[in-house]
């Protein structure tokens, strides 16, 4: 347990001692937080996405919006550092999957996305009315567990990125010096 905490501390200290990475993480966090705060309450706005959604923001959705934004911003910033230093950040697919999964419940619950996709697949009108409501109901019912899964995927991507960066050649001397 202490070894993992040391890895996080060393990687975060190594990456965020540079001002450009602190700025990148902050800008990403602000942009992603604004995005998630306006998108996640779309379930309560009939699919309308925008600042009007903030009236319907619940403490649970606000938590997920800020947690998802923080995890995604940190993961992306560490990945950029890894690519720039040729350390390889890994976990790209997991981070992307977590980001996509985070917006699925609110975007598929009450928007015309599902009926449009069903119509493009050649569904008839009765099929559209039958299936789209069930699919949208599933996403509305399971919104919080899906958001929790998205957060876990992003945290997993962050963890894998930290482990990859801490295992890179550039970080090994610092880790050995700390007994990791």
Protein backbone atom coordinates (compact mmCIF):
# COMPACT_ATOMS: atom_id res chain seq x y z
CA UNK A 1 0.00 0.00 0.00
CA UNK A 2 2.77 2.42 0.91
CA UNK A 3 4.61 1.50 -2.28
CA UNK A 4 1.64 2.58 -4.39
CA UNK A 5 1.26 5.81 -2.43
CA UNK A 6 4.97 6.50 -2.95
CA UNK A 7 4.60 5.90 -6.67
CA UNK A 8 1.73 8.37 -6.88
CA UNK A 9 3.61 10.95 -4.84
CA UNK A 10 6.77 10.64 -6.94
CA UNK A 11 4.96 10.68 -10.28
CA UNK A 12 2.73 13.61 -9.32
CA UNK A 13 5.69 15.54 -7.93
CA UNK A 14 7.73 14.80 -11.05
CA UNK A 15 5.01 15.81 -13.48
CA UNK A 16 3.41 18.73 -11.69
CA UNK A 17 6.64 20.49 -10.78
CA UNK A 18 6.47 21.86 -14.32
CA UNK A 19 4.11 24.80 -14.67
CA UNK A 20 2.81 23.73 -18.10
CA UNK A 21 1.44 20.48 -16.71
CA UNK A 22 -0.21 22.26 -13.78
CA UNK A 23 -1.84 24.66 -16.25
CA UNK A 24 -2.91 21.85 -18.54
CA UNK A 25 -4.51 19.93 -15.67
CA UNK A 26 -6.30 23.05 -14.42
CA UNK A 27 -7.62 24.04 -17.85
CA UNK A 28 -8.77 20.49 -18.55
CA UNK A 29 -10.46 20.26 -15.17
CA UNK A 30 -12.35 23.54 -15.66
CA UNK A 31 -13.47 22.61 -19.20
CA UNK A 32 -14.47 19.08 -18.28
CA UNK A 33 -16.23 20.18 -15.10
CA UNK A 34 -18.25 22.74 -17.08
CA UNK A 35 -19.08 20.06 -19.64
CA UNK A 36 -20.14 17.43 -17.10
CA UNK A 37 -22.06 19.93 -14.95
CA UNK A 38 -24.12 20.96 -17.97
CA UNK A 39 -24.57 17.46 -19.46
CA UNK A 40 -25.27 15.18 -16.49
CA UNK A 41 -28.58 16.84 -15.46
CA UNK A 42 -29.95 16.37 -19.02
CA UNK A 43 -32.08 13.54 -17.65
CA UNK A 44 -34.20 16.15 -15.85
CA UNK A 45 -34.32 18.67 -18.70
CA UNK A 46 -35.81 16.41 -21.34
CA UNK A 47 -32.44 16.02 -23.03
CA UNK A 48 -31.67 19.72 -23.23
CA UNK A 49 -27.98 20.33 -22.59
CA UNK A 50 -26.74 23.72 -21.46
CA UNK A 51 -26.41 26.02 -18.50
CA UNK A 52 -30.15 25.75 -17.82
CA UNK A 53 -29.31 22.23 -16.64
CA UNK A 54 -27.58 23.66 -13.57
CA UNK A 55 -31.00 24.28 -11.98
CA UNK A 56 -31.53 20.53 -11.93
CA UNK A 57 -28.09 19.63 -10.61
CA UNK A 58 -28.25 17.36 -7.58
CA UNK A 59 -25.42 16.88 -5.07
CA UNK A 60 -24.86 13.36 -6.45
CA UNK A 61 -24.57 14.59 -10.04
CA UNK A 62 -22.32 17.48 -8.93
CA UNK A 63 -20.04 14.98 -7.18
CA UNK A 64 -19.83 12.79 -10.26
CA UNK A 65 -19.28 15.79 -12.54
CA UNK A 66 -16.35 17.07 -10.46
CA UNK A 67 -14.89 13.61 -9.79
CA UNK A 68 -15.07 12.63 -13.47
CA UNK A 69 -13.52 15.95 -14.50
CA UNK A 70 -10.68 15.59 -12.00
CA UNK A 71 -9.93 11.97 -12.92
CA UNK A 72 -10.03 12.69 -16.65
CA UNK A 73 -7.90 15.84 -16.34
CA UNK A 74 -5.24 14.07 -14.26
CA UNK A 75 -5.19 11.02 -16.53
CA UNK A 76 -4.88 13.10 -19.68
CA UNK A 77 -2.19 15.35 -18.19
CA UNK A 78 -0.10 12.38 -17.06
CA UNK A 79 -0.60 10.74 -20.47
CA UNK A 80 0.63 13.88 -22.23
CA UNK A 81 3.68 13.92 -19.97
CA UNK A 82 4.28 10.24 -20.68
CA UNK A 83 4.09 10.72 -24.43
CA UNK A 84 6.37 13.74 -24.31
CA UNK A 85 8.98 11.94 -22.25
CA UNK A 86 8.58 8.70 -24.21
CA UNK A 87 7.64 6.92 -21.02
CA UNK A 88 4.36 5.76 -22.55
CA UNK A 89 1.29 6.53 -20.54
CA UNK A 90 -0.79 3.44 -21.37
CA UNK A 91 -4.42 2.99 -20.35
CA UNK A 92 -5.63 5.18 -23.19
CA UNK A 93 -8.51 2.90 -24.11
CA UNK A 94 -9.70 2.69 -20.52
CA UNK A 95 -9.71 6.47 -20.13
CA UNK A 96 -11.60 6.99 -23.37
CA UNK A 97 -14.11 4.30 -22.41
CA UNK A 98 -14.61 5.93 -19.01
CA UNK A 99 -15.16 9.34 -20.60
CA UNK A 100 -17.71 7.99 -23.06
CA UNK A 101 -19.50 5.94 -20.41
CA UNK A 102 -19.76 9.03 -18.22
CA UNK A 103 -21.96 10.90 -20.70
CA UNK A 104 -24.03 7.91 -21.88
CA UNK A 105 -26.74 7.93 -19.18
CA UNK A 106 -27.71 11.55 -19.60
CA UNK A 107 -27.33 11.64 -23.37
CA UNK A 108 -29.24 8.42 -24.06
CA UNK A 109 -31.96 8.75 -21.47
CA UNK A 110 -34.02 11.63 -22.75
CA UNK A 111 -32.54 12.74 -26.05
CA UNK A 112 -33.54 11.71 -29.58
CA UNK A 113 -30.28 9.76 -30.01
CA UNK A 114 -31.79 6.29 -29.46
CA UNK A 115 -34.89 6.78 -31.67
CA UNK A 116 -32.65 8.24 -34.39
CA UNK A 117 -30.27 5.29 -34.24
CA UNK A 118 -33.16 2.84 -34.31
CA UNK A 119 -34.66 4.64 -37.32
CA UNK A 120 -31.31 4.57 -39.11
CA UNK A 121 -31.18 0.82 -38.49
CA UNK A 122 -34.52 0.52 -40.29
CA UNK A 123 -36.84 0.15 -37.33
CA UNK A 124 -40.52 0.71 -38.04
CA UNK A 125 -42.57 3.28 -36.17
CA UNK A 126 -44.16 0.76 -33.74
CA UNK A 127 -40.72 -0.68 -33.05
CA UNK A 128 -39.36 2.81 -32.41
CA UNK A 129 -42.05 3.52 -29.85
CA UNK A 130 -41.55 0.16 -28.15
CA UNK A 131 -37.76 -0.10 -28.04
CA UNK A 132 -36.64 3.49 -27.58
CA UNK A 133 -38.64 3.92 -24.37
CA UNK A 134 -37.22 0.74 -22.90
CA UNK A 135 -33.64 1.65 -23.78
CA UNK A 136 -34.03 5.21 -22.50
CA UNK A 137 -35.66 3.87 -19.34
CA UNK A 138 -32.69 1.56 -18.76
CA UNK A 139 -30.23 4.47 -18.90
CA UNK A 140 -32.44 6.65 -16.69
CA UNK A 141 -32.87 3.87 -14.13
CA UNK A 142 -29.20 2.90 -13.99
CA UNK A 143 -27.69 6.39 -14.38
CA UNK A 144 -25.85 6.49 -11.04
CA UNK A 145 -24.34 2.98 -11.32
CA UNK A 146 -23.24 3.80 -14.88
CA UNK A 147 -21.63 7.03 -13.67
CA UNK A 148 -19.92 5.09 -10.88
CA UNK A 149 -18.63 2.60 -13.46
CA UNK A 150 -17.35 5.47 -15.58
CA UNK A 151 -15.56 6.96 -12.59
CA UNK A 152 -14.01 3.58 -11.75
CA UNK A 153 -12.80 3.21 -15.35
CA UNK A 154 -11.22 6.67 -15.26
CA UNK A 155 -9.59 5.96 -11.89
CA UNK A 156 -8.32 2.65 -13.30
CA UNK A 157 -6.85 4.52 -16.26
CA UNK A 158 -5.22 7.00 -13.88
CA UNK A 159 -3.78 4.16 -11.80
CA UNK A 160 -2.40 2.36 -14.83
CA UNK A 161 -0.90 5.61 -16.11
CA UNK A 162 0.81 6.26 -12.77
CA UNK A 163 2.15 2.71 -12.66
CA UNK A 164 3.43 2.99 -16.23
CA UNK A 165 5.11 6.33 -15.53
CA UNK A 166 6.62 5.09 -12.28
CA UNK A 167 7.98 2.03 -14.08
CA UNK A 168 9.61 4.00 -16.88
CA UNK A 169 13.36 4.35 -17.18
CA UNK A 170 13.17 8.05 -16.40
CA UNK A 171 11.52 7.39 -13.01
CA UNK A 172 13.38 4.28 -11.79
CA UNK A 173 16.26 6.11 -10.07
CA UNK A 174 13.80 8.31 -8.14
CA UNK A 175 11.77 5.27 -7.14
CA UNK A 176 14.85 3.32 -6.05
CA UNK A 177 15.99 6.27 -3.97
CA UNK A 178 12.67 6.09 -2.12
CA UNK A 179 12.79 2.31 -1.76
CA UNK A 180 9.97 1.65 -4.25
